[in-house]
Amino acid sequence: MGIESSDMITIPRAELDALKAEVRRLRREVGRSVAKRRAHVDDGPGDGAPTFTREELASAWGINE
């Protein structure tokens, strides 16, 4: 199925740029809400996962100062 010229439209560049900016803003907003939801679901270090200090991690990774 091809596109006929009668099916195509043109929009001003400024409007296209504004629409792209709005899409970026909405994606960031959705990303933030997803991150907040995940953060509220995650119990954090008290959920049985081991916790380490910066020094312990640096030592384990072999990047001691």
N, C-alpha and C. Protein backbone atom coordinates (compact mmCIF):
# COMPACT_ATOMS: atom_id res chain seq x y z
N MET A 1 0.84 -1.16 0.00
CA MET A 1 0.00 0.00 0.00
C MET A 1 0.89 1.23 0.00
N GLY A 2 0.80 2.03 -1.02
CA GLY A 2 1.61 3.23 -1.12
C GLY A 2 0.89 4.45 -0.57
N ILE A 3 1.64 5.49 -0.37
CA ILE A 3 1.07 6.73 0.11
C ILE A 3 0.85 7.65 -1.07
N GLU A 4 -0.34 8.10 -1.22
CA GLU A 4 -0.65 9.03 -2.30
C GLU A 4 -0.44 10.45 -1.79
N SER A 5 -0.11 11.36 -2.68
CA SER A 5 0.14 12.73 -2.27
C SER A 5 -1.09 13.36 -1.62
N SER A 6 -2.28 12.89 -1.96
CA SER A 6 -3.49 13.44 -1.36
C SER A 6 -3.63 13.02 0.11
N ASP A 7 -2.89 11.97 0.54
CA ASP A 7 -2.95 11.50 1.93
C ASP A 7 -1.94 12.23 2.82
N MET A 8 -1.07 13.00 2.24
CA MET A 8 -0.02 13.66 3.01
C MET A 8 -0.42 15.09 3.36
N ILE A 9 0.08 15.55 4.49
CA ILE A 9 -0.16 16.93 4.90
C ILE A 9 1.17 17.56 5.26
N THR A 10 1.19 18.86 5.36
CA THR A 10 2.39 19.55 5.82
C THR A 10 2.02 20.38 7.04
N ILE A 11 2.99 20.51 7.95
CA ILE A 11 2.79 21.37 9.12
C ILE A 11 4.02 22.26 9.23
N PRO A 12 3.84 23.43 9.79
CA PRO A 12 4.99 24.33 9.95
C PRO A 12 6.05 23.72 10.88
N ARG A 13 7.31 24.02 10.60
CA ARG A 13 8.43 23.50 11.39
C ARG A 13 8.27 23.84 12.87
N ALA A 14 7.84 25.05 13.19
CA ALA A 14 7.67 25.46 14.58
C ALA A 14 6.66 24.56 15.30
N GLU A 15 5.59 24.20 14.61
CA GLU A 15 4.59 23.33 15.22
C GLU A 15 5.16 21.93 15.44
N LEU A 16 5.92 21.43 14.48
CA LEU A 16 6.55 20.12 14.62
C LEU A 16 7.51 20.12 15.80
N ASP A 17 8.32 21.17 15.91
CA ASP A 17 9.26 21.27 17.03
C ASP A 17 8.53 21.34 18.36
N ALA A 18 7.42 22.08 18.39
CA ALA A 18 6.64 22.18 19.63
C ALA A 18 6.04 20.82 20.01
N LEU A 19 5.56 20.09 19.02
CA LEU A 19 5.01 18.76 19.29
C LEU A 19 6.09 17.80 19.80
N LYS A 20 7.27 17.86 19.21
CA LYS A 20 8.38 17.01 19.67
C LYS A 20 8.76 17.35 21.11
N ALA A 21 8.80 18.65 21.42
CA ALA A 21 9.13 19.08 22.79
C ALA A 21 8.07 18.57 23.77
N GLU A 22 6.81 18.63 23.38
CA GLU A 22 5.74 18.14 24.25
C GLU A 22 5.85 16.64 24.47
N VAL A 23 6.20 15.89 23.44
CA VAL A 23 6.39 14.44 23.58
C VAL A 23 7.54 14.16 24.55
N ARG A 24 8.65 14.89 24.43
CA ARG A 24 9.78 14.71 25.36
C ARG A 24 9.34 15.00 26.79
N ARG A 25 8.58 16.10 26.98
CA ARG A 25 8.12 16.46 28.31
C ARG A 25 7.23 15.37 28.89
N LEU A 26 6.32 14.86 28.09
CA LEU A 26 5.42 13.81 28.56
C LEU A 26 6.17 12.53 28.88
N ARG A 27 7.17 12.19 28.08
CA ARG A 27 7.96 10.99 28.36
C ARG A 27 8.72 11.13 29.67
N ARG A 28 9.28 12.33 29.93
CA ARG A 28 9.97 12.56 31.20
C ARG A 28 9.00 12.44 32.37
N GLU A 29 7.81 13.02 32.20
CA GLU A 29 6.80 12.96 33.26
C GLU A 29 6.40 11.51 33.56
N VAL A 30 6.18 10.74 32.52
CA VAL A 30 5.83 9.32 32.71
C VAL A 30 7.00 8.58 33.35
N GLY A 31 8.21 8.87 32.90
CA GLY A 31 9.39 8.23 33.49
C GLY A 31 9.51 8.53 34.97
N ARG A 32 9.26 9.79 35.34
CA ARG A 32 9.33 10.15 36.76
C ARG A 32 8.26 9.42 37.56
N SER A 33 7.05 9.35 37.02
CA SER A 33 5.99 8.68 37.78
C SER A 33 6.28 7.19 37.92
N VAL A 34 6.84 6.58 36.89
CA VAL A 34 7.21 5.16 36.97
C VAL A 34 8.30 4.98 38.02
N ALA A 35 9.30 5.86 38.01
CA ALA A 35 10.39 5.75 38.98
C ALA A 35 9.87 5.93 40.41
N LYS A 36 8.96 6.89 40.61
CA LYS A 36 8.40 7.09 41.95
C LYS A 36 7.62 5.88 42.40
N ARG A 37 6.83 5.31 41.49
CA ARG A 37 6.05 4.12 41.83
C ARG A 37 6.98 2.98 42.23
N ARG A 38 8.05 2.78 41.48
CA ARG A 38 9.00 1.71 41.81
C ARG A 38 9.68 1.97 43.13
N ALA A 39 10.01 3.23 43.40
CA ALA A 39 10.67 3.57 44.66
C ALA A 39 9.76 3.31 45.85
N HIS A 40 8.48 3.56 45.69
CA HIS A 40 7.55 3.32 46.79
C HIS A 40 7.31 1.83 47.01
N VAL A 41 7.42 1.05 45.96
CA VAL A 41 7.22 -0.39 46.07
C VAL A 41 8.45 -1.05 46.70
N ASP A 42 9.64 -0.51 46.40
CA ASP A 42 10.89 -1.07 46.91
C ASP A 42 11.04 -0.74 48.39
N ASP A 43 11.20 -1.77 49.20
CA ASP A 43 11.34 -1.56 50.64
C ASP A 43 12.72 -1.03 51.02
N GLY A 44 13.65 -1.09 50.12
CA GLY A 44 14.98 -0.59 50.42
C GLY A 44 15.84 -1.63 51.10
N PRO A 45 16.89 -1.15 51.76
CA PRO A 45 17.86 -2.07 52.38
C PRO A 45 17.27 -3.02 53.41
N GLY A 46 16.16 -2.69 53.98
CA GLY A 46 15.57 -3.56 54.98
C GLY A 46 14.92 -4.80 54.40
N ASP A 47 14.95 -4.97 53.10
CA ASP A 47 14.26 -6.11 52.48
C ASP A 47 15.12 -7.36 52.41
N GLY A 48 16.21 -7.39 53.16
CA GLY A 48 17.06 -8.57 53.19
C GLY A 48 18.27 -8.47 52.27
N ALA A 49 18.35 -7.45 51.46
CA ALA A 49 19.50 -7.27 50.57
C ALA A 49 20.68 -6.76 51.40
N PRO A 50 21.88 -7.22 51.08
CA PRO A 50 23.04 -6.75 51.84
C PRO A 50 23.31 -5.28 51.56
N THR A 51 23.82 -4.58 52.56
CA THR A 51 24.20 -3.18 52.40
C THR A 51 25.69 -3.05 52.67
N PHE A 52 26.33 -2.13 51.96
CA PHE A 52 27.76 -1.93 52.08
C PHE A 52 28.07 -0.44 52.18
N THR A 53 29.16 -0.14 52.88
CA THR A 53 29.62 1.25 52.91
C THR A 53 30.41 1.51 51.63
N ARG A 54 30.70 2.77 51.37
CA ARG A 54 31.49 3.12 50.18
C ARG A 54 32.86 2.44 50.22
N GLU A 55 33.45 2.41 51.42
CA GLU A 55 34.77 1.80 51.57
C GLU A 55 34.73 0.30 51.28
N GLU A 56 33.68 -0.36 51.76
CA GLU A 56 33.54 -1.80 51.50
C GLU A 56 33.37 -2.08 50.01
N LEU A 57 32.57 -1.27 49.35
CA LEU A 57 32.38 -1.45 47.91
C LEU A 57 33.68 -1.18 47.15
N ALA A 58 34.36 -0.11 47.50
CA ALA A 58 35.62 0.22 46.84
C ALA A 58 36.62 -0.91 47.01
N SER A 59 36.69 -1.47 48.21
CA SER A 59 37.61 -2.58 48.46
C SER A 59 37.22 -3.80 47.64
N ALA A 60 35.94 -4.11 47.60
CA ALA A 60 35.47 -5.27 46.84
C ALA A 60 35.74 -5.11 45.35
N TRP A 61 35.65 -3.88 44.85
CA TRP A 61 35.87 -3.62 43.44
C TRP A 61 37.34 -3.36 43.11
N GLY A 62 38.16 -3.33 44.15
CA GLY A 62 39.60 -3.11 43.94
C GLY A 62 39.95 -1.69 43.52
N ILE A 63 39.20 -0.72 44.02
CA ILE A 63 39.47 0.67 43.65
C ILE A 63 39.74 1.52 44.88
N ASN A 64 40.45 0.93 45.83
CA ASN A 64 40.78 1.68 47.05
C ASN A 64 41.65 2.87 46.69
N GLU A 65 41.47 3.91 47.48
CA GLU A 65 42.30 5.12 47.24
C GLU A 65 43.60 5.00 47.99
